[in-house]
Amino acid sequence: MQRLKISHILNNKDFVYALSLFVFIGFICFSFYELSKAEVTVVQEGETTTVRTHANTVEDVLNELAINVGEHDELSHELNDLVNGEMKIEHTIAKQVTVSIDGKDQTYYTTSDTVEEFLTEQEIDVSEKDQLSLAANTKIDNNLVIDIEKAFQVTINDAGEEQQVWTTGGSIKELLAKHDIKLNELDRVEPKQTASINKSTDINITRVEKVKDVVEEEKDFKVVKRSDSSLEKGKEEIISEGEPGIVEKHYEVVLENGEEVSRELVKEEVKKESKEKVVAVGTKVNKPRTTAYADTSSSTETVSRGGSEDKGKTLYMKATAYNWDCASCDGRGLTSTGYNLKANPNGVVAVDPSVIPLGTKVWVEGYGYAIARDTGGNIKGNKIDLHMPTKQQAASYGMKTVQVKIVE
């Protein structure tokens, strides 16, 4: 019976017509509903999603897509912007970046694509001399770490020549190699090459070298005196002149920054032997002369000869000073009598032999005891020239009137 009723209803034309009309109206309504949706494109991290939606605002659209916008993210629209047809919403997720400058860390969030863009965005200054751990075109990834070592200047004093160089640290050895500063085996560096560099580091290089110096020096000759019975007592005659010898001295000299700091005698070689000076010393004694007179009485006259009349004599003389290394000297350091002033610079004076004989021992006020071993073109009369160990001492002496005593 029930089936007959349903069959009767379905065969009813009015019912079929009403049902068809209802379906058609529903389809029209659904079509209008779908057509009334806005088409929205959402771009996130390079991926594009297109949706049709009745959402009113951008926030509603993002909520429908379960997209959460972080505090530091970049969004092309405001969240409360109204949705319109064919809208394109771009969402860029911020990435965390840690920047370490000279060991001090700071965290940033950015939507920049590269390291260079990020540094510009955050106004982080990196000069050409600074050291950046990543290339400027490196892509930004989440949790990226960027190390920056700031450059600073240090002073390198290389044997007295200073230069300022830029560095970001490291060891002194690395810095010297970077600037092509080469060290020899004996050179010294302070601080040590293994020491680390900081802003207060000053580098001092001492250039050390060992050189050989060969110096020829004269060797004094001996004076040999021989008794001569044919020569009157008190008289002397030179039989043969002496000649100084030559000794070659080899030194090892240490120079620091070009200046001598030590000298060590390594060996000596005799290049020429000295020749003795031989002097004959008279021993002959003359008998006293006897004269006879007519009255048969006699008298004896004894003539004695001495050389000590001037001993103890005091003179007042104009004194000057000189040094063997003077402009007009021969550079060998020998006096007119062959005495070596380079080897024996003290206690020598130049005199006028007619006033003070050569070889005389004297005492000079302000100078002390000395021996007359030299002469000079300007030393005439009561003048005396005092030899000084250095040119500076000679130059500073000037001219003085001094007391001179003949000792022997």
Protein backbone atom coordinates (compact mmCIF):
# COMPACT_ATOMS: atom_id res chain seq x y z
CA MET A 1 0.00 0.00 0.00
CA GLN A 2 2.83 2.40 0.91
CA ARG A 3 4.63 1.63 -2.28
CA LEU A 4 1.54 2.38 -4.26
CA LYS A 5 1.31 5.81 -2.65
CA ILE A 6 4.95 6.67 -3.40
CA SER A 7 4.55 5.46 -6.95
CA HIS A 8 1.42 7.53 -7.26
CA ILE A 9 3.24 10.65 -6.02
CA LEU A 10 6.19 10.17 -8.36
CA ASN A 11 3.80 9.74 -11.26
CA ASN A 12 2.11 12.96 -10.30
CA LYS A 13 3.14 15.64 -12.81
CA ASP A 14 2.70 18.50 -10.37
CA PHE A 15 5.01 16.93 -7.88
CA VAL A 16 7.71 16.30 -10.46
CA TYR A 17 7.43 19.84 -11.67
CA ALA A 18 7.69 21.25 -8.14
CA LEU A 19 10.71 19.08 -7.33
CA SER A 20 12.51 20.13 -10.50
CA LEU A 21 11.84 23.76 -9.75
CA PHE A 22 13.19 23.37 -6.23
CA VAL A 23 16.42 21.74 -7.50
CA PHE A 24 16.87 24.41 -10.14
CA ILE A 25 16.42 27.22 -7.62
CA GLY A 26 18.91 25.50 -5.30
CA PHE A 27 21.46 25.25 -8.09
CA ILE A 28 20.98 28.90 -8.97
CA CYS A 29 21.44 29.92 -5.36
CA PHE A 30 24.55 27.77 -5.01
CA SER A 31 25.97 29.22 -8.19
CA PHE A 32 25.31 32.76 -7.01
CA TYR A 33 26.93 31.89 -3.67
CA GLU A 34 30.04 30.54 -5.30
CA LEU A 35 30.24 33.41 -7.73
CA SER A 36 30.03 35.89 -4.91
CA LYS A 37 33.29 34.55 -3.38
CA ALA A 38 36.46 36.65 -3.81
CA GLU A 39 39.53 35.01 -5.34
CA VAL A 40 42.56 35.64 -3.10
CA THR A 41 46.21 34.63 -3.76
CA VAL A 42 48.49 34.11 -0.75
CA VAL A 43 52.27 33.94 -1.29
CA GLN A 44 54.32 32.57 1.62
CA GLU A 45 58.05 31.76 1.46
CA GLY A 46 57.88 31.42 -2.32
CA GLU A 47 54.80 29.12 -2.31
CA THR A 48 51.57 30.43 -3.88
CA THR A 49 48.05 29.40 -2.71
CA THR A 50 44.86 30.65 -4.41
CA VAL A 51 41.53 30.46 -2.53
CA ARG A 52 37.96 31.61 -3.11
CA THR A 53 36.50 32.98 0.08
CA HIS A 54 33.73 35.01 1.65
CA ALA A 55 36.18 36.24 4.31
CA ASN A 56 35.85 39.94 5.08
CA THR A 57 39.42 40.82 6.10
CA VAL A 58 42.98 39.72 5.41
CA GLU A 59 43.16 38.28 8.92
CA ASP A 60 40.09 36.10 8.17
CA VAL A 61 41.73 34.76 5.03
CA LEU A 62 44.94 33.89 6.90
CA ASN A 63 42.93 32.23 9.67
CA GLU A 64 41.07 30.10 7.07
CA LEU A 65 44.50 28.97 5.80
CA ALA A 66 45.83 28.49 9.37
CA ILE A 67 48.64 30.99 8.73
CA ASN A 68 50.04 32.66 11.85
CA VAL A 69 51.75 36.02 11.38
CA GLY A 70 54.67 36.50 13.78
CA GLU A 71 55.69 39.79 15.42
CA HIS A 72 58.68 40.31 13.11
CA ASP A 73 57.09 38.87 9.93
CA GLU A 74 56.53 41.04 6.88
CA LEU A 75 52.94 41.25 5.50
CA SER A 76 51.94 43.08 2.33
CA HIS A 77 48.59 44.24 3.85
CA GLU A 78 47.26 45.22 7.22
CA LEU A 79 45.34 42.44 8.99
CA ASN A 80 42.15 44.52 9.05
CA ASP A 81 42.27 45.36 5.33
CA LEU A 82 39.02 44.30 3.55
CA VAL A 83 39.24 41.52 1.04
CA ASN A 84 38.57 42.39 -2.60
CA GLY A 85 38.57 40.40 -5.78
CA GLU A 86 41.86 39.06 -7.09
CA MET A 87 43.73 40.21 -3.97
CA LYS A 88 47.39 39.09 -3.55
CA ILE A 89 48.65 38.75 0.01
CA GLU A 90 52.40 38.30 0.51
CA HIS A 91 53.69 36.93 3.80
CA THR A 92 57.42 36.68 4.61
CA ILE A 93 58.44 34.87 7.78
CA ALA A 94 61.19 36.60 9.78
CA LYS A 95 64.33 34.59 10.46
CA GLN A 96 66.45 34.74 13.60
CA VAL A 97 70.04 35.93 13.07
CA THR A 98 72.80 36.16 15.71
CA VAL A 99 75.54 38.74 15.16
CA SER A 100 78.77 38.37 17.16
CA ILE A 101 80.97 41.50 17.12
CA ASP A 102 84.35 40.92 18.78
CA GLY A 103 82.78 38.11 20.84
CA LYS A 104 79.66 40.04 21.93
CA ASP A 105 76.42 38.42 20.67
CA GLN A 106 73.15 40.14 19.72
CA THR A 107 70.01 38.53 18.28
CA TYR A 108 68.02 40.03 15.38
CA TYR A 109 64.93 39.07 13.35
CA THR A 110 64.90 39.89 9.67
CA THR A 111 63.14 39.29 6.39
CA SER A 112 66.16 40.30 4.32
CA ASP A 113 67.35 37.85 1.67
CA THR A 114 71.15 38.23 1.99
CA VAL A 115 73.77 39.08 4.62
CA GLU A 116 74.53 42.37 2.86
CA GLU A 117 70.84 43.41 2.91
CA PHE A 118 70.55 42.43 6.56
CA LEU A 119 73.60 44.49 7.61
CA THR A 120 72.27 47.49 5.72
CA GLU A 121 68.79 47.05 7.24
CA GLN A 122 70.20 46.90 10.78
CA GLU A 123 72.74 49.69 10.10
CA ILE A 124 75.64 47.49 11.18
CA ASP A 125 78.80 49.13 9.84
CA VAL A 126 81.41 46.74 8.42
CA SER A 127 84.50 48.38 6.88
CA GLU A 128 86.79 46.84 4.27
CA LYS A 129 89.41 46.21 6.97
CA ASP A 130 86.96 44.35 9.24
CA GLN A 131 86.72 40.56 8.99
CA LEU A 132 83.26 39.15 8.11
CA SER A 133 82.74 35.40 8.56
CA LEU A 134 80.29 35.11 5.62
CA ALA A 135 80.24 36.42 2.07
CA ALA A 136 77.99 39.44 1.52
CA ASN A 137 75.74 37.50 -0.90
CA THR A 138 75.13 34.61 1.54
CA LYS A 139 71.40 33.74 1.82
CA ILE A 140 69.77 34.32 5.20
CA ASP A 141 68.64 31.10 6.90
CA ASN A 142 66.94 30.77 10.24
CA ASN A 143 69.36 30.73 13.20
CA LEU A 144 72.20 32.08 11.03
CA VAL A 145 75.31 33.26 12.96
CA ILE A 146 77.43 36.13 11.59
CA ASP A 147 80.85 36.80 13.16
CA ILE A 148 82.41 40.25 12.74
CA GLU A 149 85.92 41.10 13.94
CA LYS A 150 86.48 44.87 13.97
CA ALA A 151 89.85 46.07 12.69
CA PHE A 152 92.17 48.25 14.78
CA GLN A 153 95.60 49.81 14.30
CA VAL A 154 98.88 48.74 15.89
CA THR A 155 102.37 50.23 15.60
CA ILE A 156 105.31 48.26 14.21
CA ASN A 157 108.70 49.75 15.09
CA ASP A 158 111.17 48.10 12.74
CA ALA A 159 114.71 49.19 13.73
CA GLY A 160 113.51 52.72 14.48
CA GLU A 161 111.15 53.03 11.49
CA GLU A 162 107.51 53.09 12.59
CA GLN A 163 104.43 52.20 10.59
CA GLN A 164 100.73 51.91 11.47
CA VAL A 165 98.96 48.76 10.23
CA TRP A 166 95.39 47.49 10.46
CA THR A 167 94.56 44.09 11.94
CA THR A 168 91.68 42.14 13.43
CA GLY A 169 93.87 40.18 15.82
CA GLY A 170 95.73 36.91 15.58
CA SER A 171 99.40 36.40 16.43
CA ILE A 172 102.31 38.77 15.86
CA LYS A 173 103.90 36.17 13.56
CA GLU A 174 100.79 36.14 11.34
CA LEU A 175 100.69 39.95 11.19
CA LEU A 176 104.35 40.23 10.17
CA ALA A 177 103.84 37.61 7.46
CA LYS A 178 100.74 39.43 6.18
CA HIS A 179 102.75 42.63 5.73
CA ASP A 180 105.76 40.77 4.27
CA ILE A 181 108.06 41.74 7.15
CA LYS A 182 110.83 39.14 7.18
CA LEU A 183 113.04 38.37 10.16
CA ASN A 184 116.63 37.14 10.17
CA GLU A 185 117.88 34.46 12.52
CA LEU A 186 119.32 36.86 15.13
CA ASP A 187 116.56 39.50 15.02
CA ARG A 188 114.48 40.02 18.17
CA VAL A 189 110.74 40.76 18.36
CA GLU A 190 108.94 42.10 21.41
CA PRO A 191 106.42 40.81 22.39
CA LYS A 192 107.18 37.26 21.25
CA GLN A 193 105.91 36.18 17.84
CA THR A 194 103.48 33.72 19.44
CA ALA A 195 101.77 36.48 21.45
CA SER A 196 98.23 37.52 20.52
CA ILE A 197 97.57 41.05 19.26
CA ASN A 198 95.19 43.47 20.94
CA LYS A 199 94.48 47.19 20.65
CA SER A 200 97.29 48.11 23.07
CA THR A 201 99.98 45.99 21.38
CA ASP A 202 103.13 47.78 20.15
CA ILE A 203 105.55 45.62 18.17
CA ASN A 204 109.28 46.36 18.37
CA ILE A 205 111.76 44.67 16.03
CA THR A 206 115.49 44.82 16.82
CA ARG A 207 117.64 43.97 13.82
CA VAL A 208 120.70 42.05 15.03
CA GLU A 209 123.69 41.13 12.91
CA LYS A 210 127.24 39.88 13.48
CA VAL A 211 130.02 41.27 11.31
CA LYS A 212 133.79 40.82 11.20
CA ASP A 213 136.09 43.79 11.63
CA VAL A 214 139.80 43.58 10.91
CA VAL A 215 141.97 46.33 12.44
CA GLU A 216 145.67 46.86 11.96
CA GLU A 217 147.47 48.24 15.01
CA GLU A 218 151.09 49.22 15.47
CA LYS A 219 153.14 47.31 17.99
CA ASP A 220 155.63 49.41 19.95
CA PHE A 221 159.28 48.68 19.43
CA LYS A 222 161.69 48.08 22.28
CA VAL A 223 164.50 50.48 23.15
CA VAL A 224 167.74 48.66 23.94
CA LYS A 225 170.54 50.59 25.59
CA ARG A 226 174.12 49.35 25.31
CA SER A 227 177.13 50.61 27.19
CA ASP A 228 179.80 52.25 25.02
CA SER A 229 183.20 52.93 26.60
CA SER A 230 184.24 55.06 23.65
CA LEU A 231 181.45 57.52 24.34
CA GLU A 232 181.69 60.02 27.16
CA LYS A 233 179.58 59.24 30.16
CA GLY A 234 176.17 60.94 30.02
CA LYS A 235 176.03 60.98 26.25
CA GLU A 236 173.83 58.77 24.09
CA GLU A 237 173.91 57.98 20.42
CA ILE A 238 171.33 56.14 18.36
CA ILE A 239 172.89 53.19 16.64
CA SER A 240 169.74 52.04 14.80
CA GLU A 241 166.27 53.49 14.66
CA GLY A 242 163.39 51.35 15.87
CA GLU A 243 160.42 50.44 13.69
CA PRO A 244 156.97 49.61 15.03
CA GLY A 245 155.46 46.26 14.11
CA ILE A 246 151.97 45.67 12.73
CA VAL A 247 149.41 43.40 14.40
CA GLU A 248 146.18 42.46 12.60
CA LYS A 249 143.29 42.01 15.05
CA HIS A 250 140.13 40.17 14.02
CA TYR A 251 136.97 41.16 15.92
CA GLU A 252 133.43 39.77 15.91
CA VAL A 253 131.16 42.79 16.21
CA VAL A 254 127.47 42.64 17.18
CA LEU A 255 125.27 45.39 15.72
CA GLU A 256 121.75 46.20 16.87
CA ASN A 257 119.78 48.42 14.51
CA GLY A 258 123.10 49.37 12.91
CA GLU A 259 124.86 50.39 16.14
CA GLU A 260 127.72 48.47 17.71
CA VAL A 261 126.81 46.92 21.09
CA SER A 262 129.69 44.49 21.62
CA ARG A 263 133.08 43.60 20.19
CA GLU A 264 134.99 40.35 20.82
CA LEU A 265 138.60 39.72 19.81
CA VAL A 266 138.70 36.45 17.87
CA LYS A 267 142.34 36.25 16.82
CA GLU A 268 145.55 38.23 16.32
CA GLU A 269 148.07 37.91 13.49
CA VAL A 270 151.49 39.57 13.42
CA LYS A 271 151.91 41.07 9.96
CA LYS A 272 155.21 42.76 10.66
CA GLU A 273 157.62 42.28 13.53
CA SER A 274 158.85 45.39 15.33
CA LYS A 275 162.50 46.40 15.11
CA GLU A 276 164.42 47.35 18.23
CA LYS A 277 165.82 50.81 18.68
CA VAL A 278 169.45 50.51 19.79
CA VAL A 279 171.00 53.35 21.78
CA ALA A 280 174.63 53.57 22.81
CA VAL A 281 175.16 54.91 26.33
CA GLY A 282 178.55 56.45 27.07
CA THR A 283 180.61 55.14 30.00
CA LYS A 284 183.94 56.90 29.33
CA VAL A 285 185.10 59.14 32.22
CA ASN A 286 187.50 62.01 31.37
CA LYS A 287 190.40 62.56 33.81
CA PRO A 288 190.63 66.01 35.47
CA ARG A 289 192.96 68.51 33.76
CA THR A 290 196.05 69.63 35.84
CA THR A 291 197.88 72.95 35.11
CA ALA A 292 201.42 73.66 36.50
CA TYR A 293 202.53 77.24 37.40
CA ALA A 294 205.98 78.73 37.64
CA ASP A 295 205.82 78.94 41.43
CA THR A 296 205.79 75.18 41.43
CA SER A 297 202.37 75.17 43.12
CA SER A 298 199.58 73.29 41.37
CA SER A 299 195.78 73.51 41.13
CA THR A 300 193.22 71.04 39.75
CA GLU A 301 190.12 72.06 37.69
CA THR A 302 187.31 69.46 37.42
CA VAL A 303 184.73 69.93 34.71
CA SER A 304 181.44 68.13 35.41
CA ARG A 305 178.57 67.78 32.89
CA GLY A 306 175.02 67.04 33.86
CA GLY A 307 171.53 67.05 32.25
CA SER A 308 169.31 67.78 35.25
CA GLU A 309 169.52 71.56 35.34
CA ASP A 310 165.81 71.86 34.44
CA LYS A 311 164.50 69.25 36.89
CA GLY A 312 161.87 70.83 39.17
CA LYS A 313 161.57 73.86 36.91
CA THR A 314 158.08 75.42 36.67
CA LEU A 315 156.77 77.04 33.47
CA TYR A 316 153.53 78.83 32.65
CA MET A 317 152.37 77.83 29.22
CA LYS A 318 149.37 78.23 26.92
CA ALA A 319 147.68 74.83 26.68
CA THR A 320 145.41 73.44 23.93
CA ALA A 321 144.14 69.90 23.35
CA TYR A 322 144.03 67.47 20.41
CA ASN A 323 143.06 63.89 19.51
CA TRP A 324 144.82 61.52 17.12
CA ASP A 325 141.70 61.33 14.90
CA CYS A 326 141.82 64.99 13.89
CA ALA A 327 141.18 66.35 10.39
CA SER A 328 144.85 67.12 9.74
CA CYS A 329 146.20 63.89 11.31
CA ASP A 330 147.35 60.92 9.23
CA GLY A 331 144.75 58.60 10.78
CA ARG A 332 147.31 56.07 12.04
CA GLY A 333 147.48 57.57 15.51
CA LEU A 334 151.30 57.82 15.63
CA THR A 335 153.18 60.72 17.18
CA SER A 336 156.26 62.32 15.64
CA THR A 337 158.31 59.92 17.77
CA GLY A 338 156.36 56.85 16.59
CA TYR A 339 154.27 56.50 19.76
CA ASN A 340 150.86 54.85 19.23
CA LEU A 341 148.15 57.18 20.53
CA LYS A 342 145.29 54.90 19.48
CA ALA A 343 146.54 52.18 21.83
CA ASN A 344 147.78 54.57 24.54
CA PRO A 345 145.68 57.76 24.48
CA ASN A 346 146.48 59.06 27.98
CA GLY A 347 149.46 61.02 29.36
CA VAL A 348 150.93 62.34 26.11
CA VAL A 349 151.74 65.98 25.28
CA ALA A 350 153.12 67.77 22.25
CA VAL A 351 155.87 70.34 22.94
CA ASP A 352 158.47 72.58 21.35
CA PRO A 353 161.62 70.44 21.83
CA SER A 354 163.70 73.59 22.24
CA VAL A 355 161.70 74.39 25.38
CA ILE A 356 160.89 70.90 26.69
CA PRO A 357 162.99 68.07 25.21
CA LEU A 358 161.14 65.04 23.83
CA GLY A 359 160.94 62.23 26.37
CA THR A 360 160.70 64.64 29.31
CA LYS A 361 158.24 63.74 32.04
CA VAL A 362 156.11 66.70 33.10
CA TRP A 363 153.19 67.53 35.37
CA VAL A 364 150.47 69.71 33.79
CA GLU A 365 147.91 71.58 35.88
CA GLY A 366 144.47 70.06 35.36
CA TYR A 367 145.86 67.19 33.22
CA GLY A 368 148.33 65.34 35.46
CA TYR A 369 151.56 63.56 34.66
CA ALA A 370 152.55 63.11 31.03
CA ILE A 371 155.53 62.54 28.74
CA ALA A 372 156.54 64.79 25.86
CA ARG A 373 156.20 62.39 22.92
CA ASP A 374 154.95 64.62 20.12
CA THR A 375 155.50 67.92 18.32
CA GLY A 376 153.23 70.17 16.29
CA GLY A 377 153.49 72.85 13.64
CA ASN A 378 151.75 75.39 15.87
CA ILE A 379 153.49 74.35 19.09
CA LYS A 380 156.28 76.90 19.33
CA GLY A 381 157.77 78.48 22.45
CA ASN A 382 155.80 78.29 25.70
CA LYS A 383 152.94 76.28 24.24
CA ILE A 384 151.82 72.74 25.04
CA ASP A 385 149.22 70.50 23.36
CA LEU A 386 147.48 67.88 25.55
CA HIS A 387 146.31 64.64 23.95
CA MET A 388 142.71 63.65 24.88
CA PRO A 389 141.18 60.15 24.50
CA THR A 390 138.24 61.48 22.42
CA LYS A 391 137.66 64.25 19.89
CA GLN A 392 134.80 65.59 22.00
CA GLN A 393 137.05 66.06 25.04
CA ALA A 394 139.68 67.77 22.89
CA ALA A 395 137.13 70.13 21.31
CA SER A 396 135.67 71.14 24.67
CA TYR A 397 139.07 71.92 26.27
CA GLY A 398 139.65 75.24 24.54
CA MET A 399 142.79 77.26 25.43
CA LYS A 400 144.10 77.79 28.97
CA THR A 401 147.18 79.09 30.71
CA VAL A 402 148.47 76.30 32.94
CA GLN A 403 151.38 75.53 35.22
CA VAL A 404 153.86 72.97 33.85
CA LYS A 405 156.49 71.36 36.05
CA ILE A 406 159.48 69.45 34.72
CA VAL A 407 159.61 66.16 36.60
CA GLU A 408 162.54 64.39 34.96
